[in-house]
Amino acid sequence: MSKNKANFLLSLLVGSIGLLGSLLPASVNAATVTVVNLDSQGEGFNDTTPASPVGGNSGTTIGQQRTIAFQHAANIWGSHLQSAVPIRVGGQFDPLPCTASSGTLGSAGPKSANRDFAGAPVAGTWYPIALANAIAGIDFLPNDNHISATFSSTIGSTGCLESSGWYYGLDASPPREKLTLSACFCMSSGMDWAFSLTLTVKLVPKRLDSMTPTCATLSVMGQHHLVFPV
């Protein structure tokens, strides 16, 4: 990614956050974003495979490191968003479409949408549930998660992006060919205030992190499918 392109995307993000802020209560300057574990025992966030702490992630199992990485990304978004209503993200790891050289990293989307509520800026317009909640100051979905996120549990295994794998560090300094989980989650969940997003990668000679200087920069790209070189 060129410096000019990165600067353009960052400027677009700043403008988008500013526009969103103009729709929300002035007294609210942050949001609480909580990751809800939807995995069964022994899988995903509950994977007990031992792991060594890495890149600021203190988890000692794969499941713990995934949980910490997800919540780290959620906290980043919380610091940029404005909502008096806590935002719940239901997260899980499952096998997703994949081959030895390309695959789906993950996807995320709003669980619901609302329109014509009190305070809605535009009549007849559907707002993703987390955004609708933030604008109205009411939880329209009190008994469910607001966002659903599913990420691949097989990246780096036989037959699935075999030369790659998840990096659970929080320092954005993965080994070559590794994919930073927190950055991918940050990008996909960022779309959920207005879009649904699926992240796809193909193995070509560039690393994901060399193309994406910050998760905030790419969060403004609204395509349904983004293909990142690894």
C-alpha atoms as a PDB file:
ATOM      1  CA  MET A   1       0.000   0.000   0.000  1.00  0.00           C
ATOM      2  CA  SER A   2       1.381   3.401  -0.950  1.00  0.00           C
ATOM      3  CA  LYS A   3       1.800   6.129   1.631  1.00  0.00           C
ATOM      4  CA  ASN A   4      -0.669   8.317  -0.265  1.00  0.00           C
ATOM      5  CA  LYS A   5      -3.307   5.577  -0.257  1.00  0.00           C
ATOM      6  CA  ALA A   6      -2.825   4.926   3.443  1.00  0.00           C
ATOM      7  CA  ASN A   7      -3.153   8.630   4.195  1.00  0.00           C
ATOM      8  CA  PHE A   8      -6.306   8.844   2.063  1.00  0.00           C
ATOM      9  CA  LEU A   9      -7.914   5.919   3.901  1.00  0.00           C
ATOM     10  CA  LEU A  10      -6.947   7.331   7.279  1.00  0.00           C
ATOM     11  CA  SER A  11      -8.455  10.696   6.315  1.00  0.00           C
ATOM     12  CA  LEU A  12     -11.631   8.944   5.210  1.00  0.00           C
ATOM     13  CA  LEU A  13     -11.825   7.098   8.523  1.00  0.00           C
ATOM     14  CA  VAL A  14     -11.413  10.316  10.497  1.00  0.00           C
ATOM     15  CA  GLY A  15     -14.154  11.923   8.454  1.00  0.00           C
ATOM     16  CA  SER A  16     -16.434   8.910   8.926  1.00  0.00           C
ATOM     17  CA  ILE A  17     -15.931   8.914  12.691  1.00  0.00           C
ATOM     18  CA  GLY A  18     -16.646  12.624  12.756  1.00  0.00           C
ATOM     19  CA  LEU A  19     -19.881  12.157  10.806  1.00  0.00           C
ATOM     20  CA  LEU A  20     -20.983   9.323  13.074  1.00  0.00           C
ATOM     21  CA  GLY A  21     -20.165  11.463  16.080  1.00  0.00           C
ATOM     22  CA  SER A  22     -22.462  14.202  14.837  1.00  0.00           C
ATOM     23  CA  LEU A  23     -25.398  11.766  15.045  1.00  0.00           C
ATOM     24  CA  LEU A  24     -24.742  10.676  18.633  1.00  0.00           C
ATOM     25  CA  PRO A  25     -25.217  12.285  22.043  1.00  0.00           C
ATOM     26  CA  ALA A  26     -22.475  14.828  22.689  1.00  0.00           C
ATOM     27  CA  SER A  27     -21.932  13.629  26.270  1.00  0.00           C
ATOM     28  CA  VAL A  28     -20.838  10.144  25.181  1.00  0.00           C
ATOM     29  CA  ASN A  29     -17.211   9.858  24.020  1.00  0.00           C
ATOM     30  CA  ALA A  30     -16.538   6.115  24.096  1.00  0.00           C
ATOM     31  CA  ALA A  31     -18.256   2.742  23.977  1.00  0.00           C
ATOM     32  CA  THR A  32     -17.944  -0.554  25.818  1.00  0.00           C
ATOM     33  CA  VAL A  33     -17.506  -3.404  23.332  1.00  0.00           C
ATOM     34  CA  THR A  34     -17.613  -6.878  24.880  1.00  0.00           C
ATOM     35  CA  VAL A  35     -16.759 -10.153  23.155  1.00  0.00           C
ATOM     36  CA  VAL A  36     -19.194 -12.975  24.003  1.00  0.00           C
ATOM     37  CA  ASN A  37     -17.729 -16.472  23.655  1.00  0.00           C
ATOM     38  CA  LEU A  38     -19.994 -18.689  21.513  1.00  0.00           C
ATOM     39  CA  ASP A  39     -17.608 -21.645  21.221  1.00  0.00           C
ATOM     40  CA  SER A  40     -18.177 -25.069  22.724  1.00  0.00           C
ATOM     41  CA  GLN A  41     -15.825 -26.675  25.219  1.00  0.00           C
ATOM     42  CA  GLY A  42     -12.367 -27.420  23.845  1.00  0.00           C
ATOM     43  CA  GLU A  43     -12.666 -25.384  20.633  1.00  0.00           C
ATOM     44  CA  GLY A  44     -12.119 -21.828  19.468  1.00  0.00           C
ATOM     45  CA  PHE A  45     -11.910 -19.487  22.431  1.00  0.00           C
ATOM     46  CA  ASN A  46     -11.898 -22.577  24.656  1.00  0.00           C
ATOM     47  CA  ASP A  47      -9.019 -24.362  22.896  1.00  0.00           C
ATOM     48  CA  THR A  48      -6.720 -25.614  25.669  1.00  0.00           C
ATOM     49  CA  THR A  49      -3.679 -26.211  23.436  1.00  0.00           C
ATOM     50  CA  PRO A  50      -0.682 -24.734  25.333  1.00  0.00           C
ATOM     51  CA  ALA A  51       0.843 -21.538  23.912  1.00  0.00           C
ATOM     52  CA  SER A  52       3.675 -19.221  24.910  1.00  0.00           C
ATOM     53  CA  PRO A  53       2.854 -15.542  25.548  1.00  0.00           C
ATOM     54  CA  VAL A  54       3.641 -13.474  22.461  1.00  0.00           C
ATOM     55  CA  GLY A  55       3.654  -9.821  21.428  1.00  0.00           C
ATOM     56  CA  GLY A  56       1.995  -8.500  24.580  1.00  0.00           C
ATOM     57  CA  ASN A  57      -0.575 -11.293  24.686  1.00  0.00           C
ATOM     58  CA  SER A  58      -0.222 -13.025  28.055  1.00  0.00           C
ATOM     59  CA  GLY A  59      -2.448 -16.027  27.290  1.00  0.00           C
ATOM     60  CA  THR A  60      -0.961 -19.465  27.920  1.00  0.00           C
ATOM     61  CA  THR A  61      -3.403 -21.441  25.740  1.00  0.00           C
ATOM     62  CA  ILE A  62      -4.571 -20.864  22.154  1.00  0.00           C
ATOM     63  CA  GLY A  63      -8.071 -20.144  23.438  1.00  0.00           C
ATOM     64  CA  GLN A  64      -6.879 -17.556  25.951  1.00  0.00           C
ATOM     65  CA  GLN A  65      -4.756 -15.818  23.329  1.00  0.00           C
ATOM     66  CA  ARG A  66      -7.682 -15.678  20.886  1.00  0.00           C
ATOM     67  CA  THR A  67      -9.891 -14.182  23.595  1.00  0.00           C
ATOM     68  CA  ILE A  68      -7.318 -11.548  24.521  1.00  0.00           C
ATOM     69  CA  ALA A  69      -6.677 -10.653  20.865  1.00  0.00           C
ATOM     70  CA  PHE A  70     -10.404 -10.289  20.119  1.00  0.00           C
ATOM     71  CA  GLN A  71     -11.013  -8.142  23.178  1.00  0.00           C
ATOM     72  CA  HIS A  72      -7.969  -6.014  22.319  1.00  0.00           C
ATOM     73  CA  ALA A  73      -9.510  -5.196  18.937  1.00  0.00           C
ATOM     74  CA  ALA A  74     -12.884  -4.586  20.574  1.00  0.00           C
ATOM     75  CA  ASN A  75     -11.262  -2.118  22.969  1.00  0.00           C
ATOM     76  CA  ILE A  76      -9.690  -0.252  20.072  1.00  0.00           C
ATOM     77  CA  TRP A  77     -13.098   0.231  18.477  1.00  0.00           C
ATOM     78  CA  GLY A  78     -14.625   1.154  21.817  1.00  0.00           C
ATOM     79  CA  SER A  79     -12.155   3.988  22.172  1.00  0.00           C
ATOM     80  CA  HIS A  80     -13.237   5.427  18.799  1.00  0.00           C
ATOM     81  CA  LEU A  81     -17.003   4.924  18.987  1.00  0.00           C
ATOM     82  CA  GLN A  82     -19.658   6.833  20.871  1.00  0.00           C
ATOM     83  CA  SER A  83     -22.407   4.830  22.541  1.00  0.00           C
ATOM     84  CA  ALA A  84     -23.990   4.835  25.978  1.00  0.00           C
ATOM     85  CA  VAL A  85     -25.341   1.357  25.162  1.00  0.00           C
ATOM     86  CA  PRO A  86     -22.753  -1.437  25.572  1.00  0.00           C
ATOM     87  CA  ILE A  87     -22.080  -3.360  22.360  1.00  0.00           C
ATOM     88  CA  ARG A  88     -21.979  -7.170  22.454  1.00  0.00           C
ATOM     89  CA  VAL A  89     -20.045  -9.117  19.815  1.00  0.00           C
ATOM     90  CA  GLY A  90     -20.787 -12.825  19.617  1.00  0.00           C
ATOM     91  CA  GLY A  91     -17.553 -14.481  18.471  1.00  0.00           C
ATOM     92  CA  GLN A  92     -16.597 -18.013  17.499  1.00  0.00           C
ATOM     93  CA  PHE A  93     -14.023 -20.028  15.541  1.00  0.00           C
ATOM     94  CA  ASP A  94     -15.150 -22.566  12.947  1.00  0.00           C
ATOM     95  CA  PRO A  95     -13.714 -24.164   9.780  1.00  0.00           C
ATOM     96  CA  LEU A  96     -14.358 -21.767   6.865  1.00  0.00           C
ATOM     97  CA  PRO A  97     -13.891 -22.220   3.082  1.00  0.00           C
ATOM     98  CA  CYS A  98     -10.186 -22.697   2.467  1.00  0.00           C
ATOM     99  CA  THR A  99      -7.554 -24.221   0.179  1.00  0.00           C
ATOM    100  CA  ALA A 100      -3.788 -24.570   0.475  1.00  0.00           C
ATOM    101  CA  SER A 101      -3.302 -21.152  -1.140  1.00  0.00           C
ATOM    102  CA  SER A 102      -6.402 -19.080  -0.365  1.00  0.00           C
ATOM    103  CA  GLY A 103      -9.152 -18.920   2.186  1.00  0.00           C
ATOM    104  CA  THR A 104     -11.700 -16.996   4.179  1.00  0.00           C
ATOM    105  CA  LEU A 105     -10.209 -15.595   7.369  1.00  0.00           C
ATOM    106  CA  GLY A 106     -13.472 -14.545   8.919  1.00  0.00           C
ATOM    107  CA  SER A 107     -16.670 -12.607   8.583  1.00  0.00           C
ATOM    108  CA  ALA A 108     -18.775 -10.355  10.753  1.00  0.00           C
ATOM    109  CA  GLY A 109     -22.108  -8.618  10.500  1.00  0.00           C
ATOM    110  CA  PRO A 110     -24.889  -6.999  12.504  1.00  0.00           C
ATOM    111  CA  LYS A 111     -27.460  -9.356  14.029  1.00  0.00           C
ATOM    112  CA  SER A 112     -30.305  -6.993  13.307  1.00  0.00           C
ATOM    113  CA  ALA A 113     -31.246  -3.516  12.086  1.00  0.00           C
ATOM    114  CA  ASN A 114     -33.802  -0.914  13.068  1.00  0.00           C
ATOM    115  CA  ARG A 115     -35.490   2.064  11.425  1.00  0.00           C
ATOM    116  CA  ASP A 116     -37.876   4.898  12.172  1.00  0.00           C
ATOM    117  CA  PHE A 117     -36.997   4.891  15.878  1.00  0.00           C
ATOM    118  CA  ALA A 118     -37.088   8.056  17.957  1.00  0.00           C
ATOM    119  CA  GLY A 119     -34.110  10.194  16.981  1.00  0.00           C
ATOM    120  CA  ALA A 120     -33.366   8.378  13.702  1.00  0.00           C
ATOM    121  CA  PRO A 121     -31.642  10.939  11.444  1.00  0.00           C
ATOM    122  CA  VAL A 122     -33.336   9.745   8.232  1.00  0.00           C
ATOM    123  CA  ALA A 123     -36.832   8.260   7.970  1.00  0.00           C
ATOM    124  CA  GLY A 124     -37.274   4.914   6.221  1.00  0.00           C
ATOM    125  CA  THR A 125     -33.575   4.069   6.616  1.00  0.00           C
ATOM    126  CA  TRP A 126     -32.303   0.879   8.224  1.00  0.00           C
ATOM    127  CA  TYR A 127     -29.516   1.299  10.788  1.00  0.00           C
ATOM    128  CA  PRO A 128     -27.334  -1.635  11.984  1.00  0.00           C
ATOM    129  CA  ILE A 129     -28.461  -2.443  15.492  1.00  0.00           C
ATOM    130  CA  ALA A 130     -25.354  -1.169  17.311  1.00  0.00           C
ATOM    131  CA  LEU A 131     -25.602   2.166  15.484  1.00  0.00           C
ATOM    132  CA  ALA A 132     -29.351   2.405  16.111  1.00  0.00           C
ATOM    133  CA  ASN A 133     -28.753   1.731  19.807  1.00  0.00           C
ATOM    134  CA  ALA A 134     -26.072   4.411  19.970  1.00  0.00           C
ATOM    135  CA  ILE A 135     -28.241   7.038  18.300  1.00  0.00           C
ATOM    136  CA  ALA A 136     -31.354   6.306  20.376  1.00  0.00           C
ATOM    137  CA  GLY A 137     -29.577   5.545  23.648  1.00  0.00           C
ATOM    138  CA  ILE A 138     -31.698   2.377  23.946  1.00  0.00           C
ATOM    139  CA  ASP A 139     -30.818  -1.295  23.545  1.00  0.00           C
ATOM    140  CA  PHE A 140     -33.280  -2.518  20.909  1.00  0.00           C
ATOM    141  CA  LEU A 141     -31.878  -6.053  21.180  1.00  0.00           C
ATOM    142  CA  PRO A 142     -31.429  -6.524  24.947  1.00  0.00           C
ATOM    143  CA  ASN A 143     -31.425 -10.331  24.946  1.00  0.00           C
ATOM    144  CA  ASP A 144     -29.017 -11.003  22.090  1.00  0.00           C
ATOM    145  CA  ASN A 145     -25.645  -9.959  20.694  1.00  0.00           C
ATOM    146  CA  HIS A 146     -25.509  -6.969  18.384  1.00  0.00           C
ATOM    147  CA  ILE A 147     -22.750  -8.276  16.111  1.00  0.00           C
ATOM    148  CA  SER A 148     -21.876 -11.806  15.017  1.00  0.00           C
ATOM    149  CA  ALA A 149     -18.260 -12.689  14.139  1.00  0.00           C
ATOM    150  CA  THR A 150     -16.895 -16.031  12.919  1.00  0.00           C
ATOM    151  CA  PHE A 151     -13.207 -16.633  12.187  1.00  0.00           C
ATOM    152  CA  SER A 152     -11.352 -19.583  10.729  1.00  0.00           C
ATOM    153  CA  SER A 153     -10.153 -22.258  13.114  1.00  0.00           C
ATOM    154  CA  THR A 154      -8.041 -24.033  10.493  1.00  0.00           C
ATOM    155  CA  ILE A 155      -5.704 -21.346   9.093  1.00  0.00           C
ATOM    156  CA  GLY A 156      -2.194 -22.799   8.868  1.00  0.00           C
ATOM    157  CA  SER A 157      -3.280 -26.423   8.964  1.00  0.00           C
ATOM    158  CA  THR A 158      -3.035 -28.990   6.173  1.00  0.00           C
ATOM    159  CA  GLY A 159      -5.094 -27.867   3.187  1.00  0.00           C
ATOM    160  CA  CYS A 160      -5.801 -24.369   4.544  1.00  0.00           C
ATOM    161  CA  LEU A 161      -3.321 -21.541   3.863  1.00  0.00           C
ATOM    162  CA  GLU A 162      -0.665 -24.024   4.865  1.00  0.00           C
ATOM    163  CA  SER A 163       2.286 -21.597   4.947  1.00  0.00           C
ATOM    164  CA  SER A 164       0.365 -19.046   7.017  1.00  0.00           C
ATOM    165  CA  GLY A 165      -1.353 -19.071  10.419  1.00  0.00           C
ATOM    166  CA  TRP A 166      -2.786 -16.771  13.054  1.00  0.00           C
ATOM    167  CA  TYR A 167      -0.549 -14.429  15.030  1.00  0.00           C
ATOM    168  CA  TYR A 168      -2.101 -13.629  18.410  1.00  0.00           C
ATOM    169  CA  GLY A 169       0.324 -10.884  19.439  1.00  0.00           C
ATOM    170  CA  LEU A 170      -0.988  -7.375  20.076  1.00  0.00           C
ATOM    171  CA  ASP A 171       2.097  -5.579  18.749  1.00  0.00           C
ATOM    172  CA  ALA A 172       1.324  -5.725  14.987  1.00  0.00           C
ATOM    173  CA  SER A 173       4.724  -7.380  14.401  1.00  0.00           C
ATOM    174  CA  PRO A 174       3.916 -10.889  13.159  1.00  0.00           C
ATOM    175  CA  PRO A 175       6.424 -13.273  11.622  1.00  0.00           C
ATOM    176  CA  ARG A 176       6.395 -13.291   7.838  1.00  0.00           C
ATOM    177  CA  GLU A 177       3.317 -15.041   6.374  1.00  0.00           C
ATOM    178  CA  LYS A 178       1.418 -14.888   9.678  1.00  0.00           C
ATOM    179  CA  LEU A 179      -1.902 -13.038   9.957  1.00  0.00           C
ATOM    180  CA  THR A 180      -2.613 -10.796  12.947  1.00  0.00           C
ATOM    181  CA  LEU A 181      -5.933 -11.921  14.424  1.00  0.00           C
ATOM    182  CA  SER A 182      -6.680  -8.668  16.257  1.00  0.00           C
ATOM    183  CA  ALA A 183      -6.149  -6.629  13.061  1.00  0.00           C
ATOM    184  CA  CYS A 184      -8.418  -8.903  11.010  1.00  0.00           C
ATOM    185  CA  PHE A 185     -11.142  -8.769  13.654  1.00  0.00           C
ATOM    186  CA  CYS A 186     -10.730  -5.015  13.928  1.00  0.00           C
ATOM    187  CA  MET A 187     -11.257  -4.647  10.175  1.00  0.00           C
ATOM    188  CA  SER A 188     -14.234  -6.951   9.930  1.00  0.00           C
ATOM    189  CA  SER A 189     -16.045  -5.700  13.018  1.00  0.00           C
ATOM    190  CA  GLY A 190     -15.445  -2.105  11.956  1.00  0.00           C
ATOM    191  CA  MET A 191     -17.777  -2.655   9.027  1.00  0.00           C
ATOM    192  CA  ASP A 192     -20.605  -3.647  11.328  1.00  0.00           C
ATOM    193  CA  TRP A 193     -21.642  -0.116  12.072  1.00  0.00           C
ATOM    194  CA  ALA A 194     -22.738   0.084   8.413  1.00  0.00           C
ATOM    195  CA  PHE A 195     -21.714  -3.014   6.441  1.00  0.00           C
ATOM    196  CA  SER A 196     -21.129  -6.746   6.620  1.00  0.00           C
ATOM    197  CA  LEU A 197     -17.644  -7.881   5.674  1.00  0.00           C
ATOM    198  CA  THR A 198     -15.821 -11.070   4.739  1.00  0.00           C
ATOM    199  CA  LEU A 199     -12.022 -11.124   4.718  1.00  0.00           C
ATOM    200  CA  THR A 200     -10.306 -13.321   2.149  1.00  0.00           C
ATOM    201  CA  VAL A 201      -6.587 -13.836   1.553  1.00  0.00           C
ATOM    202  CA  LYS A 202      -4.494 -15.300  -1.234  1.00  0.00           C
ATOM    203  CA  LEU A 203      -0.884 -16.353  -0.831  1.00  0.00           C
ATOM    204  CA  VAL A 204       1.200 -13.909  -2.868  1.00  0.00           C
ATOM    205  CA  PRO A 205       4.575 -12.390  -1.942  1.00  0.00           C
ATOM    206  CA  LYS A 206       3.474  -9.683   0.492  1.00  0.00           C
ATOM    207  CA  ARG A 207       2.444  -9.799   4.118  1.00  0.00           C
ATOM    208  CA  LEU A 208      -0.970  -8.671   5.313  1.00  0.00           C
ATOM    209  CA  ASP A 209       0.545  -6.306   7.849  1.00  0.00           C
ATOM    210  CA  SER A 210       2.826  -4.685   5.270  1.00  0.00           C
ATOM    211  CA  MET A 211      -0.331  -3.733   3.379  1.00  0.00           C
ATOM    212  CA  THR A 212      -2.307  -2.553   6.394  1.00  0.00           C
ATOM    213  CA  PRO A 213      -0.450  -0.100   8.655  1.00  0.00           C
ATOM    214  CA  THR A 214      -3.345   0.105  11.118  1.00  0.00           C
ATOM    215  CA  CYS A 215      -6.614  -1.742  11.572  1.00  0.00           C
ATOM    216  CA  ALA A 216      -8.340   1.640  11.724  1.00  0.00           C
ATOM    217  CA  THR A 217      -7.147   2.568   8.242  1.00  0.00           C
ATOM    218  CA  LEU A 218      -8.678  -0.440   6.524  1.00  0.00           C
ATOM    219  CA  SER A 219     -11.857  -0.384   8.564  1.00  0.00           C
ATOM    220  CA  VAL A 220     -13.279   2.251   6.233  1.00  0.00           C
ATOM    221  CA  MET A 221     -13.102   0.032   3.138  1.00  0.00           C
ATOM    222  CA  GLY A 222     -16.675  -1.086   2.549  1.00  0.00           C
ATOM    223  CA  GLN A 223     -16.357  -3.847  -0.031  1.00  0.00           C
ATOM    224  CA  HIS A 224     -18.126  -7.074   0.878  1.00  0.00           C
ATOM    225  CA  HIS A 225     -14.947  -9.028   0.105  1.00  0.00           C
ATOM    226  CA  LEU A 226     -11.441  -7.676   0.556  1.00  0.00           C
ATOM    227  CA  VAL A 227      -8.508  -9.692  -0.812  1.00  0.00           C
ATOM    228  CA  PHE A 228      -5.234  -9.067   0.999  1.00  0.00           C
ATOM    229  CA  PRO A 229      -1.846 -10.342  -0.164  1.00  0.00           C
ATOM    230  CA  VAL A 230      -0.043 -12.288   2.540  1.00  0.00           C
END
